[in-house]
Protein backbone atom coordinates (compact mmCIF):
# COMPACT_ATOMS: atom_id res chain seq x y z
CA MET A 1 5.15 20.06 -54.83
CA LYS A 2 8.47 19.81 -53.54
CA LYS A 3 8.27 22.99 -51.71
CA LEU A 4 4.69 22.32 -50.54
CA LEU A 5 5.73 18.95 -48.97
CA GLY A 6 8.34 20.76 -47.41
CA ILE A 7 6.24 23.39 -45.84
CA ILE A 8 3.60 20.70 -44.68
CA LEU A 9 6.50 18.82 -42.97
CA LEU A 10 8.05 21.99 -41.49
CA VAL A 11 4.61 23.02 -39.89
CA PHE A 12 4.16 19.50 -38.47
CA LEU A 13 7.74 19.49 -36.80
CA LEU A 14 7.29 22.85 -35.48
CA SER A 15 4.03 21.69 -33.88
CA ALA A 16 5.85 18.48 -32.56
CA ASN A 17 8.60 20.99 -31.07
CA ALA A 18 5.86 23.08 -29.42
CA ASN A 19 4.13 20.00 -27.93
CA ALA A 20 7.41 18.42 -26.69
CA GLY A 21 7.00 19.81 -23.33
CA SER A 22 9.62 21.37 -21.03
CA ASP A 23 12.06 18.60 -21.47
CA GLY A 24 12.06 18.56 -25.19
CA GLN A 25 12.45 22.25 -25.44
CA ASP A 26 15.21 22.66 -23.30
CA ASP A 27 17.78 25.20 -24.40
CA LEU A 28 21.37 23.70 -24.93
CA SER A 29 23.06 26.04 -22.87
CA LYS A 30 25.98 25.33 -20.57
CA ASN A 31 24.05 25.01 -17.35
CA LYS A 32 20.99 23.01 -18.95
CA ASN A 33 21.14 19.21 -19.37
CA GLY A 34 17.46 18.55 -20.30
CA GLU A 35 16.71 15.11 -21.90
CA VAL A 36 15.30 15.29 -25.45
CA LYS A 37 12.00 13.47 -25.62
CA ASP A 38 11.74 10.42 -27.72
CA CYS A 39 8.10 11.28 -28.53
CA PHE A 40 7.67 8.72 -31.59
CA GLU A 41 9.90 5.83 -30.13
CA ARG A 42 8.03 2.97 -31.54
CA ILE A 43 8.06 4.52 -34.96
CA ASN A 44 11.63 5.72 -34.63
CA ARG A 45 12.68 2.02 -33.78
CA GLY A 46 10.97 0.84 -36.74
CA ILE A 47 12.60 3.20 -38.99
CA PHE A 48 15.95 2.54 -37.32
CA ALA A 49 15.50 -1.14 -38.04
CA PHE A 50 14.88 -0.40 -41.91
CA ASN A 51 17.98 1.99 -41.80
CA GLN A 52 20.08 -0.86 -40.26
CA GLY A 53 19.00 -3.17 -43.17
CA PHE A 54 19.53 -0.66 -45.86
CA ASP A 55 23.00 -0.08 -44.42
CA GLN A 56 23.95 -3.64 -44.38
CA ILE A 57 22.59 -4.28 -47.97
CA VAL A 58 23.59 -0.83 -49.57
CA ILE A 59 25.79 1.59 -47.54
CA GLU A 60 28.20 -0.59 -45.89
CA PRO A 61 29.07 -2.60 -49.06
CA LEU A 62 29.59 0.54 -50.84
CA ALA A 63 31.77 1.80 -47.97
CA LYS A 64 33.99 -1.21 -47.97
CA GLY A 65 34.50 -0.90 -51.79
CA TYR A 66 35.14 2.94 -51.46
CA ARG A 67 37.94 1.99 -48.88
CA HIS A 68 39.69 0.07 -51.55
CA LEU A 69 40.31 3.28 -53.65
CA PRO A 70 43.75 4.75 -53.35
CA SER A 71 44.22 7.03 -50.32
CA PRO A 72 44.79 10.14 -52.38
CA ILE A 73 41.64 9.68 -54.22
CA ARG A 74 39.61 9.28 -50.95
CA ALA A 75 41.39 12.29 -49.41
CA GLY A 76 40.63 14.40 -52.53
CA THR A 77 36.99 13.25 -52.48
CA SER A 78 36.62 14.39 -48.83
CA ASN A 79 38.20 17.65 -49.53
CA VAL A 80 35.68 18.27 -52.37
CA LEU A 81 32.82 17.40 -50.03
CA SER A 82 34.12 19.71 -47.35
CA ASN A 83 34.58 22.51 -49.65
CA LEU A 84 30.97 22.33 -50.89
CA SER A 85 29.90 22.23 -47.22
CA ASN A 86 30.84 25.88 -47.23
CA VAL A 87 27.93 27.05 -49.23
CA VAL A 88 25.83 26.12 -46.10
CA THR A 89 28.33 26.92 -43.48
CA ILE A 90 28.86 30.45 -44.59
CA PRO A 91 25.22 31.74 -44.38
CA ASN A 92 25.04 30.06 -41.02
CA ASN A 93 28.18 31.78 -39.80
CA ILE A 94 26.49 35.10 -40.89
CA LEU A 95 23.02 34.36 -39.17
CA GLN A 96 24.99 33.41 -36.02
CA GLY A 97 26.76 36.68 -36.17
CA ASP A 98 30.28 34.92 -36.51
CA PHE A 99 31.53 37.26 -39.33
CA LYS A 100 35.07 36.42 -38.78
CA ALA A 101 34.37 32.86 -39.36
CA ALA A 102 32.18 33.68 -42.37
CA GLY A 103 35.08 35.75 -43.80
CA ASN A 104 37.59 32.90 -43.31
CA ASN A 105 35.39 30.21 -44.90
CA THR A 106 34.45 32.43 -47.83
CA LEU A 107 38.22 32.83 -48.56
CA ARG A 108 38.84 29.14 -48.06
CA PHE A 109 35.94 28.34 -50.60
CA VAL A 110 37.04 30.73 -53.08
CA ILE A 111 40.76 29.72 -52.84
CA ASN A 112 40.09 25.89 -52.75
CA THR A 113 37.38 26.04 -55.47
CA THR A 114 40.06 27.91 -57.89
CA LEU A 115 43.60 27.17 -57.01
CA GLY A 116 42.59 23.80 -55.21
CA ILE A 117 40.78 22.58 -58.20
CA VAL A 118 37.21 22.55 -56.95
CA GLY A 119 38.53 21.66 -53.55
CA ILE A 120 40.63 18.51 -54.21
CA PHE A 121 43.41 20.28 -52.62
CA ASP A 122 43.46 22.40 -49.39
CA VAL A 123 45.44 25.13 -50.74
CA ALA A 124 43.78 27.64 -48.27
CA GLY A 125 44.98 25.59 -45.26
CA ILE A 126 48.44 25.51 -46.64
CA ILE A 127 48.62 29.32 -46.84
CA GLY A 128 47.01 29.81 -43.41
CA PHE A 129 43.24 29.83 -43.48
CA GLU A 130 42.21 27.56 -40.74
CA LYS A 131 39.58 24.90 -41.54
CA LEU A 132 36.65 25.61 -38.98
CA ASP A 133 33.71 23.58 -37.93
CA LYS A 134 30.76 23.11 -40.08
CA GLU A 135 27.67 25.00 -39.29
CA ASP A 136 24.09 24.41 -40.29
CA TYR A 137 20.56 25.78 -39.82
CA GLY A 138 19.84 23.45 -37.13
CA GLN A 139 22.77 24.78 -35.03
CA THR A 140 21.66 28.26 -36.01
CA LEU A 141 18.11 27.73 -34.69
CA ALA A 142 19.59 26.44 -31.50
CA SER A 143 21.94 29.74 -31.21
CA TRP A 144 18.63 31.65 -31.58
CA GLY A 145 17.10 29.97 -28.78
CA MET A 146 15.00 27.19 -30.22
CA GLY A 147 14.91 23.99 -28.20
CA PRO A 148 15.67 20.48 -29.83
CA GLY A 149 12.04 19.20 -29.63
CA CYS A 150 11.47 15.51 -30.14
CA TYR A 151 14.15 12.97 -31.15
CA ILE A 152 13.25 11.72 -34.72
CA VAL A 153 14.76 8.87 -36.91
CA LEU A 154 14.62 9.72 -40.57
CA PRO A 155 14.34 7.05 -43.40
CA VAL A 156 17.90 6.36 -44.61
CA LEU A 157 19.23 9.84 -43.24
CA GLY A 158 19.16 8.55 -39.66
CA PRO A 159 19.04 10.26 -36.31
CA SER A 160 17.67 14.00 -35.98
CA THR A 161 15.40 16.15 -33.87
CA ALA A 162 12.54 18.33 -34.83
CA ARG A 163 14.73 21.25 -34.77
CA ASP A 164 17.49 19.76 -36.90
CA THR A 165 15.05 18.42 -39.22
CA VAL A 166 13.61 21.96 -39.67
CA GLY A 167 16.97 23.03 -40.24
CA SER A 168 17.67 20.36 -42.86
CA LEU A 169 14.52 21.33 -44.68
CA THR A 170 15.78 24.85 -44.90
CA ASN A 171 18.38 23.49 -47.36
CA TYR A 172 15.74 22.34 -49.79
CA LEU A 173 13.81 25.63 -49.53
CA GLY A 174 16.44 27.63 -50.73
CA GLY A 175 19.06 27.66 -48.05
CA ASP A 176 21.60 25.47 -49.83
CA ALA A 177 23.40 27.17 -52.91
CA TRP A 178 24.70 23.89 -54.29
CA ASP A 179 20.97 22.67 -54.48
CA ASN A 180 19.92 25.94 -55.93
CA ILE A 181 22.50 25.79 -58.77
CA THR A 182 21.91 22.01 -59.61
CA VAL A 183 18.53 20.98 -58.93
CA ARG A 184 16.61 24.22 -59.16
CA ASN A 185 18.61 25.54 -62.05
CA ASP A 186 19.60 22.67 -63.99
CA THR A 187 22.31 23.47 -66.59
CA HIS A 188 24.52 21.89 -68.99
CA TYR A 189 27.44 22.22 -66.51
CA VAL A 190 25.96 20.93 -63.33
CA THR A 191 22.68 19.02 -62.88
CA ASP A 192 20.45 17.43 -60.19
CA PHE A 193 22.35 14.30 -60.61
CA ASP A 194 25.41 16.02 -59.23
CA TYR A 195 23.67 17.26 -56.33
CA TYR A 196 22.35 14.06 -55.36
CA ALA A 197 25.50 12.15 -56.27
CA SER A 198 27.47 14.47 -53.93
CA LYS A 199 25.04 13.78 -51.07
CA GLY A 200 25.26 10.11 -51.64
CA LEU A 201 29.02 10.20 -51.90
CA GLU A 202 29.05 12.09 -48.50
CA GLY A 203 27.12 9.37 -46.83
CA VAL A 204 29.28 6.74 -48.19
CA ASP A 205 32.49 8.73 -47.32
CA PHE A 206 31.47 9.17 -43.75
CA ARG A 207 30.43 5.41 -43.47
CA ALA A 208 33.69 4.32 -44.76
CA LYS A 209 35.51 6.39 -42.03
CA ASN A 210 33.52 4.85 -39.31
CA ILE A 211 32.95 1.14 -40.11
CA GLU A 212 35.00 -0.17 -37.18
CA SER A 213 33.54 2.30 -34.94
CA PHE A 214 29.80 1.66 -35.62
CA ASN A 215 30.53 -2.18 -35.51
CA ASN A 216 32.27 -1.99 -32.36
CA LEU A 217 29.56 0.11 -30.89
CA GLU A 218 26.83 -2.25 -32.09
CA GLU A 219 28.72 -5.33 -30.58
CA ASN A 220 29.12 -3.57 -27.23
CA SER A 221 25.65 -2.08 -26.93
CA MET A 222 22.74 -3.69 -25.08
CA ASP A 223 20.47 -1.45 -27.06
CA PHE A 224 22.11 -0.12 -30.24
CA TYR A 225 19.18 2.35 -30.88
CA ALA A 226 19.57 4.01 -27.63
CA SER A 227 23.29 4.16 -28.03
CA ILE A 228 23.08 5.85 -31.45
CA LYS A 229 20.50 8.29 -29.99
CA SER A 230 22.77 9.16 -27.27
CA LEU A 231 25.76 9.52 -29.47
CA TYR A 232 23.82 11.79 -31.88
CA LEU A 233 22.39 14.03 -29.23
CA GLN A 234 25.83 14.38 -27.40
CA ASN A 235 27.35 15.15 -30.85
CA ARG A 236 24.76 17.79 -31.75
CA LYS A 237 25.03 19.44 -28.16
CA GLN A 238 28.76 19.79 -28.40
CA LYS A 239 28.57 21.33 -31.95
CA ILE A 240 25.96 23.88 -30.82
CA LEU A 241 27.94 24.77 -27.56
CA ASN A 242 30.90 25.24 -29.80
CA SER A 243 28.91 27.45 -32.14
CA LYS A 244 27.69 29.57 -29.31
CA LYS A 245 31.17 30.08 -28.15
CA ILE A 246 30.37 28.59 -24.68
CA THR A 247 33.03 25.81 -24.61
CA GLU A 248 35.93 24.64 -26.67
CA THR A 249 35.37 21.17 -28.23
CA GLN A 250 37.37 18.85 -30.38
CA ASP A 251 36.61 18.67 -33.99
CA ASP A 252 34.27 15.77 -34.22
CA SER A 253 32.88 16.84 -37.75
CA ASP A 254 30.29 14.28 -38.75
CA TRP A 255 31.39 11.69 -36.25
CA GLU A 256 34.44 10.85 -37.93
CA GLU A 257 36.12 9.68 -34.72
CA ILE A 258 33.53 7.94 -32.59
CA ASP A 259 34.48 7.18 -29.03
CA THR A 260 32.92 3.82 -28.11
CA ASP A 261 34.44 3.39 -24.81
């Protein structure tokens, strides 16, 4: 049932992408600055308002509590989550033809999972294996020439595009090894709880790093919805350009440092 729903949503999103028009399908290349269409703005704004309420009631309080944990615990947690992200980054490195990055990230994952105790410590970084930017299936689709399609706001998950949502669905249709091990092949060692807990913790960790940034952005924005949309699309474009080796960008992984100026 989960796979069937995923396929139905995938078909819908591909249709939305195809019908977005030339603006919605602009390839994110260095010489193109096409605006992504907000085809479902009224619905998106409604979901955005729901997400704001959910954030205020659930996510932000959890993030503030998380901040009270000792710094070494928070750093170790971030390292573990970063290490886990390699199971999606590595196949996307390969799909994008970046075999050097794939080799680097594979060695980082093996070293940190073993010597670094499931990634708590970045042993690979200490011995010279550079931490590279995360890659995902949305970025891979962009590198293959697929346009972003319409802008979409997902419940709880937040901003996306038709292309990035298709990329995210790929994780749940077999493209995420962590999902395959925990959710699809529940064992005595790791279960679906571990998967969903890691995803929830990822969101709390991200929110904790950006409490002041988001609050400042909201206070200084005439239209917070438009500001978040612009920030997300700029962030994604920057990452895609970096993955296509068109331009060098700073490491802004997961909006950890948001420029609100």
